[in-house]
Amino acid sequence: MRLKLMLMLLPLLFIVPPVLAEGNGKLSSFIYDVEAKAATVKTLTCTLKQERHLAIFARPVIFQGRMALEKPDKLRWEFTSPIASVLILNGAGGLKCSGNSEPQRFNLATDPVMQMVSKQIWTWVNGSYATLQEQYRMVLLEQGPCLVLTANDPKIARAISSVKVSFNPDSLQPTTVRIQEPGGDHTVISFSDFILNQPLDQSLFTRCSSP
């Protein structure tokens, strides 16, 4: 479930005030600016915080971790507490690691699930919001700014009511992603402490243990 939610942020009953309609020229301009900023980023590291809010629990379940990426095809998504887990994408392959279990290697060419996961992750990480407009209705909220996405596909909408992505107004890096489910449960992923375009230790993308 944690991986599923991360990847559908990754990358729809969320009530959106009619600030800007999806057809407004400001939306196209904003998406262009986000993609232009994303194109300048070659490497990135940041801190992650994921809050899973479930109706059956009084308090959210909170995971802490970090993300590292190097374009065009290397990514490490790691939770360090309360349970250690790592997902690594590196070219055509990758690793899944959880706790003290043996790492699981996969090949995107022969693993259709991870192939789909990889495609969705890179769509979001690369800021490719223009390609998502065929699958999602988008509304731009100037406060934030924020994008609210609602799935056109009923199958996706049954699992995810809405995705709200908030951006830093200067860097246009995503700061929070809120994934709302039809039953009221939701997940909030926060990104902070960005470091852009600095050399990365390549072991981040080849092994589960941190360098």
C-alpha atoms as a PDB file:
ATOM      1  CA  MET A   1       0.000   0.000   0.000  1.00  0.00           C
ATOM      2  CA  ARG A   2       2.809   2.409   0.863  1.00  0.00           C
ATOM      3  CA  LEU A   3       4.469   1.780  -2.520  1.00  0.00           C
ATOM      4  CA  LYS A   4       1.142   2.051  -4.363  1.00  0.00           C
ATOM      5  CA  LEU A   5       0.391   5.460  -2.860  1.00  0.00           C
ATOM      6  CA  MET A   6       3.914   6.701  -3.425  1.00  0.00           C
ATOM      7  CA  LEU A   7       3.801   5.840  -7.108  1.00  0.00           C
ATOM      8  CA  MET A   8       0.410   7.276  -7.895  1.00  0.00           C
ATOM      9  CA  LEU A   9       2.144  10.699  -6.701  1.00  0.00           C
ATOM     10  CA  LEU A  10       4.125   9.997  -7.211  1.00  0.00           C
ATOM     11  CA  PRO A  11       1.320  10.524  -8.844  1.00  0.00           C
ATOM     12  CA  LEU A  12      -8.750  12.417  -7.578  1.00  0.00           C
ATOM     13  CA  LEU A  13     -13.731  14.039  -4.116  1.00  0.00           C
ATOM     14  CA  PHE A  14     -11.287  16.757  -3.244  1.00  0.00           C
ATOM     15  CA  ILE A  15     -13.385  19.946  -3.297  1.00  0.00           C
ATOM     16  CA  VAL A  16     -11.623  22.613  -5.338  1.00  0.00           C
ATOM     17  CA  PRO A  17     -12.653  26.286  -5.235  1.00  0.00           C
ATOM     18  CA  PRO A  18     -13.069  27.651  -8.784  1.00  0.00           C
ATOM     19  CA  VAL A  19      -9.970  29.839  -8.714  1.00  0.00           C
ATOM     20  CA  LEU A  20      -8.728  28.947 -12.182  1.00  0.00           C
ATOM     21  CA  ALA A  21     -10.370  26.581 -14.660  1.00  0.00           C
ATOM     22  CA  GLU A  22      -8.207  23.932 -16.294  1.00  0.00           C
ATOM     23  CA  GLY A  23      -8.547  25.640 -19.664  1.00  0.00           C
ATOM     24  CA  ASN A  24      -7.157  28.934 -18.428  1.00  0.00           C
ATOM     25  CA  GLY A  25      -3.973  30.106 -20.105  1.00  0.00           C
ATOM     26  CA  LYS A  26      -2.360  30.514 -16.695  1.00  0.00           C
ATOM     27  CA  LEU A  27      -2.407  26.738 -16.274  1.00  0.00           C
ATOM     28  CA  SER A  28      -0.502  26.171 -19.520  1.00  0.00           C
ATOM     29  CA  SER A  29       1.972  28.887 -18.585  1.00  0.00           C
ATOM     30  CA  PHE A  30       2.503  27.397 -15.124  1.00  0.00           C
ATOM     31  CA  ILE A  31       3.081  23.885 -16.496  1.00  0.00           C
ATOM     32  CA  TYR A  32       5.577  25.302 -19.003  1.00  0.00           C
ATOM     33  CA  ASP A  33       7.473  27.057 -16.189  1.00  0.00           C
ATOM     34  CA  VAL A  34       7.523  23.900 -14.024  1.00  0.00           C
ATOM     35  CA  GLU A  35       8.866  21.790 -16.887  1.00  0.00           C
ATOM     36  CA  ALA A  36      11.456  24.422 -17.790  1.00  0.00           C
ATOM     37  CA  LYS A  37      12.719  24.494 -14.177  1.00  0.00           C
ATOM     38  CA  ALA A  38      12.742  20.689 -13.997  1.00  0.00           C
ATOM     39  CA  ALA A  39      14.838  20.525 -17.170  1.00  0.00           C
ATOM     40  CA  THR A  40      17.661  22.405 -15.419  1.00  0.00           C
ATOM     41  CA  VAL A  41      17.893  19.792 -12.645  1.00  0.00           C
ATOM     42  CA  LYS A  42      20.384  17.007 -13.357  1.00  0.00           C
ATOM     43  CA  THR A  43      20.788  15.677  -9.799  1.00  0.00           C
ATOM     44  CA  LEU A  44      18.711  16.187  -6.690  1.00  0.00           C
ATOM     45  CA  THR A  45      18.599  15.055  -3.087  1.00  0.00           C
ATOM     46  CA  CYS A  46      15.935  15.927  -0.539  1.00  0.00           C
ATOM     47  CA  THR A  47      14.352  14.857   2.731  1.00  0.00           C
ATOM     48  CA  LEU A  48      11.061  12.935   2.704  1.00  0.00           C
ATOM     49  CA  LYS A  49       8.245  12.779   5.221  1.00  0.00           C
ATOM     50  CA  GLN A  50       5.214  10.616   4.509  1.00  0.00           C
ATOM     51  CA  GLU A  51       2.101  10.804   6.695  1.00  0.00           C
ATOM     52  CA  ARG A  52      -0.502   8.080   6.247  1.00  0.00           C
ATOM     53  CA  HIS A  53      -3.855   9.197   7.678  1.00  0.00           C
ATOM     54  CA  LEU A  54      -6.270   6.315   8.282  1.00  0.00           C
ATOM     55  CA  ALA A  55      -9.761   6.669   9.716  1.00  0.00           C
ATOM     56  CA  ILE A  56      -9.180   3.668  11.993  1.00  0.00           C
ATOM     57  CA  PHE A  57      -6.235   5.383  13.737  1.00  0.00           C
ATOM     58  CA  ALA A  58      -6.345   8.524  15.881  1.00  0.00           C
ATOM     59  CA  ARG A  59      -2.871   9.565  14.731  1.00  0.00           C
ATOM     60  CA  PRO A  60      -1.153   9.345  11.344  1.00  0.00           C
ATOM     61  CA  VAL A  61       1.511   6.762  10.613  1.00  0.00           C
ATOM     62  CA  ILE A  62       4.659   8.751   9.814  1.00  0.00           C
ATOM     63  CA  PHE A  63       7.627   7.606   7.737  1.00  0.00           C
ATOM     64  CA  GLN A  64      10.873   9.559   7.426  1.00  0.00           C
ATOM     65  CA  GLY A  65      13.425   9.204   4.670  1.00  0.00           C
ATOM     66  CA  ARG A  66      15.144  10.749   1.707  1.00  0.00           C
ATOM     67  CA  MET A  67      15.236  10.748  -2.071  1.00  0.00           C
ATOM     68  CA  ALA A  68      18.135  11.023  -4.516  1.00  0.00           C
ATOM     69  CA  LEU A  69      17.965  11.154  -8.292  1.00  0.00           C
ATOM     70  CA  GLU A  70      20.306  11.531 -11.198  1.00  0.00           C
ATOM     71  CA  LYS A  71      18.847  12.009 -14.635  1.00  0.00           C
ATOM     72  CA  PRO A  72      18.095  10.377 -16.906  1.00  0.00           C
ATOM     73  CA  ASP A  73      17.348   7.113 -15.112  1.00  0.00           C
ATOM     74  CA  LYS A  74      18.686   6.780 -11.550  1.00  0.00           C
ATOM     75  CA  LEU A  75      16.536   7.178  -8.461  1.00  0.00           C
ATOM     76  CA  ARG A  76      16.679   6.149  -4.803  1.00  0.00           C
ATOM     77  CA  TRP A  77      13.522   6.438  -2.657  1.00  0.00           C
ATOM     78  CA  GLU A  78      14.380   5.478   0.910  1.00  0.00           C
ATOM     79  CA  PHE A  79      12.512   5.325   4.194  1.00  0.00           C
ATOM     80  CA  THR A  80      14.760   5.185   7.246  1.00  0.00           C
ATOM     81  CA  SER A  81      12.126   5.060  10.016  1.00  0.00           C
ATOM     82  CA  PRO A  82      10.151   3.536  11.538  1.00  0.00           C
ATOM     83  CA  ILE A  83      10.884   0.681   9.093  1.00  0.00           C
ATOM     84  CA  ALA A  84      13.821   0.771   6.699  1.00  0.00           C
ATOM     85  CA  SER A  85      12.947   0.263   3.039  1.00  0.00           C
ATOM     86  CA  VAL A  86      14.537   1.283  -0.245  1.00  0.00           C
ATOM     87  CA  LEU A  87      13.426   1.368  -3.863  1.00  0.00           C
ATOM     88  CA  ILE A  88      16.214   1.888  -6.413  1.00  0.00           C
ATOM     89  CA  LEU A  89      15.804   2.458 -10.149  1.00  0.00           C
ATOM     90  CA  ASN A  90      18.975   2.319 -12.217  1.00  0.00           C
ATOM     91  CA  GLY A  91      18.639   2.157 -15.975  1.00  0.00           C
ATOM     92  CA  ALA A  92      16.794  -1.008 -16.993  1.00  0.00           C
ATOM     93  CA  GLY A  93      16.933  -2.574 -13.538  1.00  0.00           C
ATOM     94  CA  GLY A  94      16.664  -1.923  -9.865  1.00  0.00           C
ATOM     95  CA  LEU A  95      16.455  -3.113  -6.277  1.00  0.00           C
ATOM     96  CA  LYS A  96      13.740  -3.410  -3.638  1.00  0.00           C
ATOM     97  CA  CYS A  97      14.938  -3.693  -0.043  1.00  0.00           C
ATOM     98  CA  SER A  98      12.939  -3.984   3.169  1.00  0.00           C
ATOM     99  CA  GLY A  99      14.354  -4.316   6.680  1.00  0.00           C
ATOM    100  CA  ASN A 100      16.797  -7.193   6.982  1.00  0.00           C
ATOM    101  CA  SER A 101      15.316  -9.143   4.082  1.00  0.00           C
ATOM    102  CA  GLU A 102      17.424 -10.054   1.084  1.00  0.00           C
ATOM    103  CA  PRO A 103      17.387  -7.389  -1.658  1.00  0.00           C
ATOM    104  CA  GLN A 104      15.104  -8.188  -4.580  1.00  0.00           C
ATOM    105  CA  ARG A 105      16.505  -7.348  -7.988  1.00  0.00           C
ATOM    106  CA  PHE A 106      14.224  -6.674 -10.917  1.00  0.00           C
ATOM    107  CA  ASN A 107      14.506  -5.991 -14.628  1.00  0.00           C
ATOM    108  CA  LEU A 108      12.102  -3.502 -16.142  1.00  0.00           C
ATOM    109  CA  ALA A 109      12.005  -5.420 -19.418  1.00  0.00           C
ATOM    110  CA  THR A 110      10.596  -8.524 -17.731  1.00  0.00           C
ATOM    111  CA  ASP A 111       8.682  -6.989 -14.801  1.00  0.00           C
ATOM    112  CA  PRO A 112       5.554  -5.196 -16.081  1.00  0.00           C
ATOM    113  CA  VAL A 113       4.568  -3.955 -12.609  1.00  0.00           C
ATOM    114  CA  MET A 114       7.910  -2.272 -11.941  1.00  0.00           C
ATOM    115  CA  GLN A 115       7.942  -1.032 -15.535  1.00  0.00           C
ATOM    116  CA  MET A 116       4.662   0.796 -14.852  1.00  0.00           C
ATOM    117  CA  VAL A 117       6.012   2.007 -11.498  1.00  0.00           C
ATOM    118  CA  SER A 118       9.145   3.357 -13.166  1.00  0.00           C
ATOM    119  CA  LYS A 119       7.159   5.182 -15.834  1.00  0.00           C
ATOM    120  CA  GLN A 120       4.909   6.850 -13.286  1.00  0.00           C
ATOM    121  CA  ILE A 121       7.795   7.847 -11.025  1.00  0.00           C
ATOM    122  CA  TRP A 122       9.752   9.481 -13.839  1.00  0.00           C
ATOM    123  CA  THR A 123       6.693  11.299 -15.140  1.00  0.00           C
ATOM    124  CA  TRP A 124       6.288  12.984 -11.743  1.00  0.00           C
ATOM    125  CA  VAL A 125       9.996  13.441 -10.993  1.00  0.00           C
ATOM    126  CA  ASN A 126      10.660  15.042 -14.382  1.00  0.00           C
ATOM    127  CA  GLY A 127       7.803  17.487 -13.900  1.00  0.00           C
ATOM    128  CA  SER A 128       6.118  16.159 -17.062  1.00  0.00           C
ATOM    129  CA  TYR A 129       2.706  17.566 -16.240  1.00  0.00           C
ATOM    130  CA  ALA A 130       1.855  18.267 -19.870  1.00  0.00           C
ATOM    131  CA  THR A 131       1.839  14.523 -20.590  1.00  0.00           C
ATOM    132  CA  LEU A 132      -0.586  13.984 -17.701  1.00  0.00           C
ATOM    133  CA  GLN A 133      -3.247  16.289 -19.133  1.00  0.00           C
ATOM    134  CA  GLU A 134      -4.676  13.439 -21.226  1.00  0.00           C
ATOM    135  CA  GLN A 135      -5.215  11.339 -18.093  1.00  0.00           C
ATOM    136  CA  TYR A 136      -6.151  13.986 -15.519  1.00  0.00           C
ATOM    137  CA  ARG A 137      -8.280  17.083 -15.239  1.00  0.00           C
ATOM    138  CA  MET A 138      -6.060  19.782 -13.776  1.00  0.00           C
ATOM    139  CA  VAL A 139      -6.923  22.909 -11.834  1.00  0.00           C
ATOM    140  CA  LEU A 140      -4.354  25.524 -10.868  1.00  0.00           C
ATOM    141  CA  LEU A 141      -4.739  27.284  -7.534  1.00  0.00           C
ATOM    142  CA  GLU A 142      -2.694  30.461  -7.407  1.00  0.00           C
ATOM    143  CA  GLN A 143      -2.316  30.251  -3.624  1.00  0.00           C
ATOM    144  CA  GLY A 144       0.756  28.099  -3.112  1.00  0.00           C
ATOM    145  CA  PRO A 145       0.831  27.621  -6.090  1.00  0.00           C
ATOM    146  CA  CYS A 146      -0.910  24.239  -6.253  1.00  0.00           C
ATOM    147  CA  LEU A 147      -2.094  21.831  -8.921  1.00  0.00           C
ATOM    148  CA  VAL A 148      -5.108  19.642  -8.195  1.00  0.00           C
ATOM    149  CA  LEU A 149      -5.448  16.571 -10.415  1.00  0.00           C
ATOM    150  CA  THR A 150      -8.580  14.475 -10.865  1.00  0.00           C
ATOM    151  CA  ALA A 151      -8.379  11.232 -12.846  1.00  0.00           C
ATOM    152  CA  ASN A 152     -10.437  10.828 -16.019  1.00  0.00           C
ATOM    153  CA  ASP A 153     -10.184   7.027 -15.767  1.00  0.00           C
ATOM    154  CA  PRO A 154     -12.935   5.680 -13.446  1.00  0.00           C
ATOM    155  CA  LYS A 155     -10.652   2.814 -12.368  1.00  0.00           C
ATOM    156  CA  ILE A 156      -8.048   5.251 -11.039  1.00  0.00           C
ATOM    157  CA  ALA A 157     -10.739   7.504  -9.534  1.00  0.00           C
ATOM    158  CA  ARG A 158     -12.080   4.583  -7.495  1.00  0.00           C
ATOM    159  CA  ALA A 159      -8.699   4.321  -5.748  1.00  0.00           C
ATOM    160  CA  ILE A 160      -7.566   7.966  -5.759  1.00  0.00           C
ATOM    161  CA  SER A 161     -10.068  10.813  -5.428  1.00  0.00           C
ATOM    162  CA  SER A 162      -7.544  13.597  -6.010  1.00  0.00           C
ATOM    163  CA  VAL A 163      -3.887  14.511  -5.968  1.00  0.00           C
ATOM    164  CA  LYS A 164      -2.883  17.996  -4.796  1.00  0.00           C
ATOM    165  CA  VAL A 165       0.683  19.078  -5.549  1.00  0.00           C
ATOM    166  CA  SER A 166       2.016  22.224  -3.849  1.00  0.00           C
ATOM    167  CA  PHE A 167       5.108  23.991  -5.199  1.00  0.00           C
ATOM    168  CA  ASN A 168       7.750  26.332  -3.866  1.00  0.00           C
ATOM    169  CA  PRO A 169       6.857  29.638  -5.608  1.00  0.00           C
ATOM    170  CA  ASP A 170      10.504  30.418  -6.438  1.00  0.00           C
ATOM    171  CA  SER A 171      12.148  27.097  -7.322  1.00  0.00           C
ATOM    172  CA  LEU A 172       8.892  25.414  -8.486  1.00  0.00           C
ATOM    173  CA  GLN A 173      10.056  22.226  -6.771  1.00  0.00           C
ATOM    174  CA  PRO A 174       7.167  20.229  -5.256  1.00  0.00           C
ATOM    175  CA  THR A 175       6.920  20.740  -1.491  1.00  0.00           C
ATOM    176  CA  THR A 176       3.924  18.512  -0.671  1.00  0.00           C
ATOM    177  CA  VAL A 177       1.803  15.922  -2.443  1.00  0.00           C
ATOM    178  CA  ARG A 178      -1.563  15.077  -0.877  1.00  0.00           C
ATOM    179  CA  ILE A 179      -3.201  11.889  -2.161  1.00  0.00           C
ATOM    180  CA  GLN A 180      -6.887  11.710  -1.222  1.00  0.00           C
ATOM    181  CA  GLU A 181      -8.824   8.431  -1.272  1.00  0.00           C
ATOM    182  CA  PRO A 182     -12.606   8.146  -1.737  1.00  0.00           C
ATOM    183  CA  GLY A 183     -13.159   6.714   1.754  1.00  0.00           C
ATOM    184  CA  GLY A 184     -11.519   9.673   3.491  1.00  0.00           C
ATOM    185  CA  ASP A 185      -8.062   8.185   4.104  1.00  0.00           C
ATOM    186  CA  HIS A 186      -5.213  10.235   2.693  1.00  0.00           C
ATOM    187  CA  THR A 187      -1.444  10.407   2.431  1.00  0.00           C
ATOM    188  CA  VAL A 188       0.715  13.538   2.563  1.00  0.00           C
ATOM    189  CA  ILE A 189       4.297  13.408   1.269  1.00  0.00           C
ATOM    190  CA  SER A 190       6.496  16.397   2.114  1.00  0.00           C
ATOM    191  CA  PHE A 191       9.800  17.276   0.422  1.00  0.00           C
ATOM    192  CA  SER A 192      12.392  19.602   1.978  1.00  0.00           C
ATOM    193  CA  ASP A 193      16.121  20.415   2.180  1.00  0.00           C
ATOM    194  CA  PHE A 194      16.648  20.276  -1.572  1.00  0.00           C
ATOM    195  CA  ILE A 195      20.207  20.085  -2.912  1.00  0.00           C
ATOM    196  CA  LEU A 196      20.375  20.491  -6.683  1.00  0.00           C
ATOM    197  CA  ASN A 197      23.008  19.655  -9.280  1.00  0.00           C
ATOM    198  CA  GLN A 198      25.711  18.337  -6.944  1.00  0.00           C
ATOM    199  CA  PRO A 199      27.735  15.150  -7.670  1.00  0.00           C
ATOM    200  CA  LEU A 200      26.181  12.057  -6.081  1.00  0.00           C
ATOM    201  CA  ASP A 201      27.804   8.918  -4.712  1.00  0.00           C
ATOM    202  CA  GLN A 202      26.958   6.269  -7.317  1.00  0.00           C
ATOM    203  CA  SER A 203      26.556   3.595  -4.640  1.00  0.00           C
ATOM    204  CA  LEU A 204      23.211   5.248  -3.859  1.00  0.00           C
ATOM    205  CA  PHE A 205      21.909   3.573  -6.996  1.00  0.00           C
ATOM    206  CA  THR A 206      23.598   0.167  -6.678  1.00  0.00           C
ATOM    207  CA  ARG A 207      23.113  -0.995  -3.075  1.00  0.00           C
ATOM    208  CA  CYS A 208      20.548  -0.856  -0.294  1.00  0.00           C
ATOM    209  CA  SER A 209      22.879   0.371   2.444  1.00  0.00           C
ATOM    210  CA  SER A 210      23.528   4.090   2.548  1.00  0.00           C
ATOM    211  CA  PRO A 211      27.039   5.306   1.623  1.00  0.00           C
END
